[in-house]
Amino acid sequence: MDLSRLPDEERADFPRTGVRARRWYRFERDLQDWLATPEGQFAAWDAARDVSASRAPSPAG
């Protein structure tokens, strides 16, 4: 994870060493690997579609 993208106040709270940091980095690495697969790309597309559908105005009834 690129910590430079985080605001300063969040960067200070982010664990840089230890078990929590290793777990977080491993999660981020595995998530990026999964998102590069066809299944991950479909899941991201499907989630974005669901979010955009929930933001769309409901049809007048």
Protein backbone atom coordinates (compact mmCIF):
# COMPACT_ATOMS: atom_id res chain seq x y z
CA MET A 1 0.00 0.00 0.00
CA ASP A 2 1.27 3.43 -0.88
CA LEU A 3 1.08 5.43 2.35
CA SER A 4 1.88 8.66 0.52
CA ARG A 5 -1.71 8.70 -0.79
CA LEU A 6 -3.13 8.90 2.75
CA PRO A 7 -3.76 12.20 4.51
CA ASP A 8 -1.21 12.99 7.25
CA GLU A 9 -3.62 12.30 10.12
CA GLU A 10 -4.41 8.81 8.77
CA ARG A 11 -0.79 8.07 7.93
CA ALA A 12 0.20 8.66 11.56
CA ASP A 13 -2.29 6.00 12.75
CA PHE A 14 -1.31 3.40 10.17
CA PRO A 15 0.88 0.64 11.60
CA ARG A 16 4.25 0.58 9.87
CA THR A 17 5.70 -2.47 11.64
CA GLY A 18 4.46 -5.45 13.55
CA VAL A 19 1.75 -8.03 13.06
CA ARG A 20 -1.01 -5.60 12.12
CA ALA A 21 1.12 -3.94 9.43
CA ARG A 22 2.16 -7.28 7.93
CA ARG A 23 -1.45 -8.46 7.92
CA TRP A 24 -2.63 -5.25 6.24
CA TYR A 25 0.11 -5.35 3.58
CA ARG A 26 -0.63 -9.02 2.90
CA PHE A 27 -4.37 -8.22 2.55
CA GLU A 28 -3.64 -5.34 0.16
CA ARG A 29 -1.26 -7.46 -1.91
CA ASP A 30 -3.71 -10.36 -2.16
CA LEU A 31 -6.61 -8.04 -2.94
CA GLN A 32 -4.71 -6.44 -5.82
CA ASP A 33 -3.75 -9.90 -7.12
CA TRP A 34 -7.38 -11.02 -6.95
CA LEU A 35 -8.65 -7.85 -8.64
CA ALA A 36 -6.33 -8.64 -11.55
CA THR A 37 -8.18 -11.93 -12.18
CA PRO A 38 -11.34 -12.17 -14.30
CA GLU A 39 -13.36 -13.06 -11.17
CA GLY A 40 -12.05 -10.00 -9.33
CA GLN A 41 -12.71 -7.71 -12.28
CA PHE A 42 -16.26 -9.03 -12.55
CA ALA A 43 -16.83 -8.57 -8.81
CA ALA A 44 -15.55 -4.97 -8.99
CA TRP A 45 -17.74 -4.25 -12.02
CA ASP A 46 -20.78 -5.83 -10.35
CA ALA A 47 -20.21 -3.87 -7.12
CA ALA A 48 -19.85 -0.60 -9.06
CA ARG A 49 -23.05 -1.39 -10.95
CA ASP A 50 -24.90 -2.06 -7.68
CA VAL A 51 -23.65 1.19 -6.16
CA SER A 52 -24.59 3.24 -9.20
CA ALA A 53 -28.04 1.61 -9.29
CA SER A 54 -28.62 2.45 -5.63
CA ARG A 55 -27.74 6.10 -6.33
CA ALA A 56 -30.02 6.39 -9.33
CA PRO A 57 -33.31 8.16 -8.71
CA SER A 58 -36.24 5.81 -8.42
CA PRO A 59 -38.79 6.00 -11.24
CA ALA A 60 -41.90 8.03 -10.47
CA GLY A 61 -44.71 5.66 -9.73
